[in-house]
Amino acid sequence: MPDLESVLSSERLTRYPGATLAERLEVYRWNVQLCQALYPTFHYFEVALRNRVHSAFTGLRGTPLWFEDPGFITHRYAKQAVREARRKVKGRAVVPGDVVAGVTFGFWRGLFFPPFEDAWRAVAGEVFPNAPAEHATRKALNGRLSTVLEFRNRVFHHEPVFHWQDLTKKHAMMHEMLAWLSSAAVAELAKLDTFPVACASDPRTRSL
């Protein structure tokens, strides 16, 4: 399979265990299946988070265009993310939902940084209505979202995650946070979530 090895990169494939190329490819395919199975979790979590935040900040700032308020959004990266989301809309006027859906996940994570401490004291209970009080703080949520962002980027950038000892723990943490956002959303996710099945299909166990 020299052509397959060249297009997938022999260097990349050496990151997967196996005595032969066929064995390494089996683990490679399993890693793809794991990432595929994680997609619904990221989907529901990111959509629920951004819509909860947008609704809360719209009320807090008194406008659905809160993301264009220079007194509220001050970091150049965040401002650039909003401009890029606007630029992608062609042939019609931009509406707030275009920006909400168009900015990066990094934009939303950035809203949990220290400059937004006062804002989160006002809206944390609205965004995460089901979160225990000790977890519904900007600092606590920021720590968890840092983990989510790293996890998301590894999966979406097609990197290995199969070897993470805490992979199931990260998956469970995201389910917990989604439940804090919306019990209905986490129930809907459960109808699609095949991650436990994908985890159980570890090809390495068949060689033991």
C-alpha atoms as a PDB file:
ATOM      1  CA  MET A   1       0.000   0.000   0.000  1.00  0.00           C
ATOM      2  CA  PRO A   2       2.766   2.494  -0.893  1.00  0.00           C
ATOM      3  CA  ASP A   3       0.371   5.059  -2.388  1.00  0.00           C
ATOM      4  CA  LEU A   4      -1.868   5.045   0.685  1.00  0.00           C
ATOM      5  CA  GLU A   5       1.155   5.377   2.955  1.00  0.00           C
ATOM      6  CA  SER A   6       2.407   8.356   0.961  1.00  0.00           C
ATOM      7  CA  VAL A   7      -0.889  10.276   0.995  1.00  0.00           C
ATOM      8  CA  LEU A   8      -1.535   9.642   4.690  1.00  0.00           C
ATOM      9  CA  SER A   9       2.153  10.329   5.478  1.00  0.00           C
ATOM     10  CA  SER A  10       4.452   7.605   6.724  1.00  0.00           C
ATOM     11  CA  GLU A  11       5.569   9.967   9.490  1.00  0.00           C
ATOM     12  CA  ARG A  12       1.969  10.348  10.665  1.00  0.00           C
ATOM     13  CA  LEU A  13       1.359   6.616  10.561  1.00  0.00           C
ATOM     14  CA  THR A  14       4.338   5.928  12.833  1.00  0.00           C
ATOM     15  CA  ARG A  15       2.327   7.635  15.598  1.00  0.00           C
ATOM     16  CA  TYR A  16      -0.034   4.665  15.579  1.00  0.00           C
ATOM     17  CA  PRO A  17       0.932   1.335  17.193  1.00  0.00           C
ATOM     18  CA  GLY A  18       1.432  -1.860  15.225  1.00  0.00           C
ATOM     19  CA  ALA A  19       4.165  -4.139  13.995  1.00  0.00           C
ATOM     20  CA  THR A  20       3.020  -3.777  10.376  1.00  0.00           C
ATOM     21  CA  LEU A  21       1.497  -1.080   8.215  1.00  0.00           C
ATOM     22  CA  ALA A  22      -1.787  -2.996   8.166  1.00  0.00           C
ATOM     23  CA  GLU A  23      -1.936  -2.977  11.974  1.00  0.00           C
ATOM     24  CA  ARG A  24      -1.129   0.731  12.148  1.00  0.00           C
ATOM     25  CA  LEU A  25      -3.828   1.470   9.573  1.00  0.00           C
ATOM     26  CA  GLU A  26      -6.353  -0.439  11.655  1.00  0.00           C
ATOM     27  CA  VAL A  27      -5.669   1.829  14.629  1.00  0.00           C
ATOM     28  CA  TYR A  28      -5.667   4.837  12.308  1.00  0.00           C
ATOM     29  CA  ARG A  29      -9.154   3.922  11.079  1.00  0.00           C
ATOM     30  CA  TRP A  30     -10.287   3.442  14.663  1.00  0.00           C
ATOM     31  CA  ASN A  31      -9.042   6.937  15.523  1.00  0.00           C
ATOM     32  CA  VAL A  32     -11.102   8.319  12.620  1.00  0.00           C
ATOM     33  CA  GLN A  33     -14.143   6.460  13.949  1.00  0.00           C
ATOM     34  CA  LEU A  34     -13.593   7.905  17.423  1.00  0.00           C
ATOM     35  CA  CYS A  35     -13.398  11.432  16.025  1.00  0.00           C
ATOM     36  CA  GLN A  36     -16.484  10.810  13.905  1.00  0.00           C
ATOM     37  CA  ALA A  37     -18.358   9.582  16.981  1.00  0.00           C
ATOM     38  CA  LEU A  38     -17.355  12.710  18.904  1.00  0.00           C
ATOM     39  CA  TYR A  39     -18.782  15.087  16.301  1.00  0.00           C
ATOM     40  CA  PRO A  40     -22.369  15.146  17.675  1.00  0.00           C
ATOM     41  CA  THR A  41     -21.062  16.053  21.137  1.00  0.00           C
ATOM     42  CA  PHE A  42     -19.088  18.992  19.780  1.00  0.00           C
ATOM     43  CA  HIS A  43     -22.004  20.007  17.562  1.00  0.00           C
ATOM     44  CA  TYR A  44     -24.640  20.208  20.298  1.00  0.00           C
ATOM     45  CA  PHE A  45     -22.263  21.729  22.822  1.00  0.00           C
ATOM     46  CA  GLU A  46     -20.999  24.503  20.564  1.00  0.00           C
ATOM     47  CA  VAL A  47     -24.422  25.407  19.162  1.00  0.00           C
ATOM     48  CA  ALA A  48     -26.028  25.435  22.609  1.00  0.00           C
ATOM     49  CA  LEU A  49     -23.191  27.464  24.129  1.00  0.00           C
ATOM     50  CA  ARG A  50     -23.116  30.180  21.515  1.00  0.00           C
ATOM     51  CA  ASN A  51     -26.898  30.598  21.459  1.00  0.00           C
ATOM     52  CA  ARG A  52     -27.152  30.745  25.260  1.00  0.00           C
ATOM     53  CA  VAL A  53     -24.336  33.299  25.410  1.00  0.00           C
ATOM     54  CA  HIS A  54     -25.806  35.362  22.584  1.00  0.00           C
ATOM     55  CA  SER A  55     -29.205  35.493  24.267  1.00  0.00           C
ATOM     56  CA  ALA A  56     -27.723  36.430  27.650  1.00  0.00           C
ATOM     57  CA  PHE A  57     -25.365  39.087  26.298  1.00  0.00           C
ATOM     58  CA  THR A  58     -28.150  40.548  24.149  1.00  0.00           C
ATOM     59  CA  GLY A  59     -30.139  41.115  27.334  1.00  0.00           C
ATOM     60  CA  LEU A  60     -27.131  42.329  29.302  1.00  0.00           C
ATOM     61  CA  ARG A  61     -25.992  44.864  26.699  1.00  0.00           C
ATOM     62  CA  GLY A  62     -29.462  45.744  25.392  1.00  0.00           C
ATOM     63  CA  THR A  63     -28.678  44.874  21.777  1.00  0.00           C
ATOM     64  CA  PRO A  64     -28.275  41.752  19.610  1.00  0.00           C
ATOM     65  CA  LEU A  65     -25.198  43.482  18.180  1.00  0.00           C
ATOM     66  CA  TRP A  66     -23.310  43.300  21.498  1.00  0.00           C
ATOM     67  CA  PHE A  67     -20.363  41.749  19.653  1.00  0.00           C
ATOM     68  CA  GLU A  68     -19.825  45.053  17.824  1.00  0.00           C
ATOM     69  CA  ASP A  69     -19.741  47.167  20.972  1.00  0.00           C
ATOM     70  CA  PRO A  70     -16.124  48.460  21.225  1.00  0.00           C
ATOM     71  CA  GLY A  71     -16.626  49.069  24.917  1.00  0.00           C
ATOM     72  CA  PHE A  72     -17.424  45.378  25.438  1.00  0.00           C
ATOM     73  CA  ILE A  73     -15.448  43.527  22.761  1.00  0.00           C
ATOM     74  CA  THR A  74     -11.974  45.041  22.939  1.00  0.00           C
ATOM     75  CA  HIS A  75      -9.535  42.328  21.838  1.00  0.00           C
ATOM     76  CA  ARG A  76      -8.348  42.588  18.233  1.00  0.00           C
ATOM     77  CA  TYR A  77      -8.745  38.842  17.637  1.00  0.00           C
ATOM     78  CA  ALA A  78     -12.403  38.973  18.653  1.00  0.00           C
ATOM     79  CA  LYS A  79     -13.010  42.029  16.494  1.00  0.00           C
ATOM     80  CA  GLN A  80     -11.337  40.303  13.549  1.00  0.00           C
ATOM     81  CA  ALA A  81     -13.490  37.197  14.074  1.00  0.00           C
ATOM     82  CA  VAL A  82     -16.629  39.347  13.849  1.00  0.00           C
ATOM     83  CA  ARG A  83     -15.381  41.067  10.683  1.00  0.00           C
ATOM     84  CA  GLU A  84     -14.600  37.703   9.087  1.00  0.00           C
ATOM     85  CA  ALA A  85     -18.053  36.344   9.939  1.00  0.00           C
ATOM     86  CA  ARG A  86     -19.635  39.432   8.358  1.00  0.00           C
ATOM     87  CA  ARG A  87     -17.438  39.158   5.261  1.00  0.00           C
ATOM     88  CA  LYS A  88     -18.628  35.604   4.555  1.00  0.00           C
ATOM     89  CA  VAL A  89     -22.235  36.748   4.064  1.00  0.00           C
ATOM     90  CA  LYS A  90     -22.863  37.448   0.394  1.00  0.00           C
ATOM     91  CA  GLY A  91     -25.811  38.980  -1.419  1.00  0.00           C
ATOM     92  CA  ARG A  92     -27.871  40.146   1.555  1.00  0.00           C
ATOM     93  CA  ALA A  93     -27.741  42.186   4.714  1.00  0.00           C
ATOM     94  CA  VAL A  94     -25.944  40.615   7.671  1.00  0.00           C
ATOM     95  CA  VAL A  95     -28.145  39.637  10.609  1.00  0.00           C
ATOM     96  CA  PRO A  96     -26.907  38.900  14.170  1.00  0.00           C
ATOM     97  CA  GLY A  97     -27.356  35.150  13.658  1.00  0.00           C
ATOM     98  CA  ASP A  98     -24.797  35.234  10.843  1.00  0.00           C
ATOM     99  CA  VAL A  99     -22.133  36.434  13.228  1.00  0.00           C
ATOM    100  CA  VAL A 100     -23.206  34.087  16.022  1.00  0.00           C
ATOM    101  CA  ALA A 101     -22.856  31.110  13.685  1.00  0.00           C
ATOM    102  CA  GLY A 102     -19.859  32.456  11.800  1.00  0.00           C
ATOM    103  CA  VAL A 103     -17.302  33.312  14.472  1.00  0.00           C
ATOM    104  CA  THR A 104     -14.866  30.661  15.678  1.00  0.00           C
ATOM    105  CA  PHE A 105     -15.148  28.604  18.829  1.00  0.00           C
ATOM    106  CA  GLY A 106     -12.099  30.521  20.033  1.00  0.00           C
ATOM    107  CA  PHE A 107     -14.206  33.685  19.982  1.00  0.00           C
ATOM    108  CA  TRP A 108     -16.702  32.147  22.406  1.00  0.00           C
ATOM    109  CA  ARG A 109     -13.980  30.755  24.649  1.00  0.00           C
ATOM    110  CA  GLY A 110     -12.417  34.240  24.749  1.00  0.00           C
ATOM    111  CA  LEU A 111     -15.598  35.609  26.322  1.00  0.00           C
ATOM    112  CA  PHE A 112     -14.679  33.679  29.479  1.00  0.00           C
ATOM    113  CA  PHE A 113     -11.396  35.558  29.974  1.00  0.00           C
ATOM    114  CA  PRO A 114     -10.904  37.905  32.985  1.00  0.00           C
ATOM    115  CA  PRO A 115     -12.083  41.121  31.263  1.00  0.00           C
ATOM    116  CA  PHE A 116     -15.595  39.621  31.211  1.00  0.00           C
ATOM    117  CA  GLU A 117     -15.703  38.821  34.935  1.00  0.00           C
ATOM    118  CA  ASP A 118     -18.454  41.346  35.686  1.00  0.00           C
ATOM    119  CA  ALA A 119     -20.517  40.173  32.727  1.00  0.00           C
ATOM    120  CA  TRP A 120     -20.382  36.559  33.881  1.00  0.00           C
ATOM    121  CA  ARG A 121     -21.402  37.448  37.396  1.00  0.00           C
ATOM    122  CA  ALA A 122     -24.566  38.837  35.821  1.00  0.00           C
ATOM    123  CA  VAL A 123     -25.375  36.108  33.291  1.00  0.00           C
ATOM    124  CA  ALA A 124     -23.733  32.813  34.325  1.00  0.00           C
ATOM    125  CA  GLY A 125     -26.965  31.521  35.826  1.00  0.00           C
ATOM    126  CA  GLU A 126     -28.829  32.357  32.628  1.00  0.00           C
ATOM    127  CA  VAL A 127     -26.302  30.695  30.316  1.00  0.00           C
ATOM    128  CA  PHE A 128     -25.754  27.639  32.521  1.00  0.00           C
ATOM    129  CA  PRO A 129     -29.073  27.359  34.383  1.00  0.00           C
ATOM    130  CA  ASN A 130     -28.411  23.797  35.562  1.00  0.00           C
ATOM    131  CA  ALA A 131     -24.820  24.209  36.735  1.00  0.00           C
ATOM    132  CA  PRO A 132     -23.925  23.821  40.415  1.00  0.00           C
ATOM    133  CA  ALA A 133     -23.008  27.200  41.909  1.00  0.00           C
ATOM    134  CA  GLU A 134     -19.343  26.269  42.392  1.00  0.00           C
ATOM    135  CA  HIS A 135     -19.001  25.535  38.660  1.00  0.00           C
ATOM    136  CA  ALA A 136     -21.013  28.515  37.388  1.00  0.00           C
ATOM    137  CA  THR A 137     -18.184  31.050  37.678  1.00  0.00           C
ATOM    138  CA  ARG A 138     -16.195  32.604  34.879  1.00  0.00           C
ATOM    139  CA  LYS A 139     -12.935  31.126  36.168  1.00  0.00           C
ATOM    140  CA  ALA A 140     -14.273  27.587  36.576  1.00  0.00           C
ATOM    141  CA  LEU A 141     -16.005  27.637  33.208  1.00  0.00           C
ATOM    142  CA  ASN A 142     -12.941  29.090  31.508  1.00  0.00           C
ATOM    143  CA  GLY A 143     -10.816  26.204  32.767  1.00  0.00           C
ATOM    144  CA  ARG A 144     -13.230  23.648  31.365  1.00  0.00           C
ATOM    145  CA  LEU A 145     -13.564  25.481  28.059  1.00  0.00           C
ATOM    146  CA  SER A 146      -9.796  25.519  27.687  1.00  0.00           C
ATOM    147  CA  THR A 147      -9.920  21.707  27.817  1.00  0.00           C
ATOM    148  CA  VAL A 148     -12.828  21.632  25.349  1.00  0.00           C
ATOM    149  CA  LEU A 149     -10.994  23.899  22.892  1.00  0.00           C
ATOM    150  CA  GLU A 150      -7.844  21.759  22.934  1.00  0.00           C
ATOM    151  CA  PHE A 151      -9.942  18.599  22.588  1.00  0.00           C
ATOM    152  CA  ARG A 152     -11.989  20.075  19.734  1.00  0.00           C
ATOM    153  CA  ASN A 153      -8.928  21.243  17.830  1.00  0.00           C
ATOM    154  CA  ARG A 154      -7.247  17.848  18.063  1.00  0.00           C
ATOM    155  CA  VAL A 155     -10.352  16.113  16.722  1.00  0.00           C
ATOM    156  CA  PHE A 156     -11.137  18.658  13.983  1.00  0.00           C
ATOM    157  CA  HIS A 157      -7.506  18.855  12.858  1.00  0.00           C
ATOM    158  CA  HIS A 158      -7.420  15.068  12.397  1.00  0.00           C
ATOM    159  CA  GLU A 159      -4.887  14.359  15.128  1.00  0.00           C
ATOM    160  CA  PRO A 160      -4.582  11.148  17.179  1.00  0.00           C
ATOM    161  CA  VAL A 161      -6.796  11.023  20.265  1.00  0.00           C
ATOM    162  CA  PHE A 162      -7.111   7.245  20.684  1.00  0.00           C
ATOM    163  CA  HIS A 163      -4.213   7.139  23.162  1.00  0.00           C
ATOM    164  CA  TRP A 164      -5.578   9.772  25.566  1.00  0.00           C
ATOM    165  CA  GLN A 165      -6.078   8.086  28.918  1.00  0.00           C
ATOM    166  CA  ASP A 166      -8.813  10.593  29.799  1.00  0.00           C
ATOM    167  CA  LEU A 167     -10.657  10.465  26.472  1.00  0.00           C
ATOM    168  CA  THR A 168     -13.868   9.077  27.979  1.00  0.00           C
ATOM    169  CA  LYS A 169     -13.552  11.545  30.857  1.00  0.00           C
ATOM    170  CA  LYS A 170     -13.391  14.475  28.412  1.00  0.00           C
ATOM    171  CA  HIS A 171     -16.423  13.150  26.565  1.00  0.00           C
ATOM    172  CA  ALA A 172     -18.322  12.840  29.858  1.00  0.00           C
ATOM    173  CA  MET A 173     -17.283  16.357  30.898  1.00  0.00           C
ATOM    174  CA  MET A 174     -18.761  17.799  27.718  1.00  0.00           C
ATOM    175  CA  HIS A 175     -22.007  15.932  28.316  1.00  0.00           C
ATOM    176  CA  GLU A 176     -22.084  17.330  31.836  1.00  0.00           C
ATOM    177  CA  MET A 177     -21.523  20.878  30.601  1.00  0.00           C
ATOM    178  CA  LEU A 178     -24.179  20.460  27.911  1.00  0.00           C
ATOM    179  CA  ALA A 179     -26.585  19.335  30.630  1.00  0.00           C
ATOM    180  CA  TRP A 180     -25.732  22.539  32.505  1.00  0.00           C
ATOM    181  CA  LEU A 181     -26.677  24.476  29.378  1.00  0.00           C
ATOM    182  CA  SER A 182     -29.826  22.502  28.557  1.00  0.00           C
ATOM    183  CA  SER A 183     -31.268  19.220  29.789  1.00  0.00           C
ATOM    184  CA  ALA A 184     -33.259  18.971  26.538  1.00  0.00           C
ATOM    185  CA  ALA A 185     -30.110  19.319  24.427  1.00  0.00           C
ATOM    186  CA  VAL A 186     -28.227  16.608  26.300  1.00  0.00           C
ATOM    187  CA  ALA A 187     -31.231  14.292  25.948  1.00  0.00           C
ATOM    188  CA  GLU A 188     -31.290  14.952  22.203  1.00  0.00           C
ATOM    189  CA  LEU A 189     -27.553  14.277  21.944  1.00  0.00           C
ATOM    190  CA  ALA A 190     -28.037  10.909  23.659  1.00  0.00           C
ATOM    191  CA  LYS A 191     -30.085   9.774  20.648  1.00  0.00           C
ATOM    192  CA  LEU A 192     -27.056  10.216  18.372  1.00  0.00           C
ATOM    193  CA  ASP A 193     -24.072   9.556  20.587  1.00  0.00           C
ATOM    194  CA  THR A 194     -22.167   6.472  19.410  1.00  0.00           C
ATOM    195  CA  PHE A 195     -18.941   7.314  21.213  1.00  0.00           C
ATOM    196  CA  PRO A 196     -19.196   4.488  23.819  1.00  0.00           C
ATOM    197  CA  VAL A 197     -19.645   1.960  21.020  1.00  0.00           C
ATOM    198  CA  ALA A 198     -16.667   3.391  19.118  1.00  0.00           C
ATOM    199  CA  CYS A 199     -14.517   3.215  22.247  1.00  0.00           C
ATOM    200  CA  ALA A 200     -15.393  -0.421  22.742  1.00  0.00           C
ATOM    201  CA  SER A 201     -14.142  -1.320  19.252  1.00  0.00           C
ATOM    202  CA  ASP A 202     -10.453  -0.802  20.121  1.00  0.00           C
ATOM    203  CA  PRO A 203      -8.556  -2.994  17.602  1.00  0.00           C
ATOM    204  CA  ARG A 204      -5.603  -3.281  19.964  1.00  0.00           C
ATOM    205  CA  THR A 205      -7.602  -5.500  22.305  1.00  0.00           C
ATOM    206  CA  ARG A 206      -8.053  -8.116  19.584  1.00  0.00           C
ATOM    207  CA  SER A 207      -4.322  -8.778  19.519  1.00  0.00           C
ATOM    208  CA  LEU A 208      -4.047  -9.481  23.259  1.00  0.00           C
END
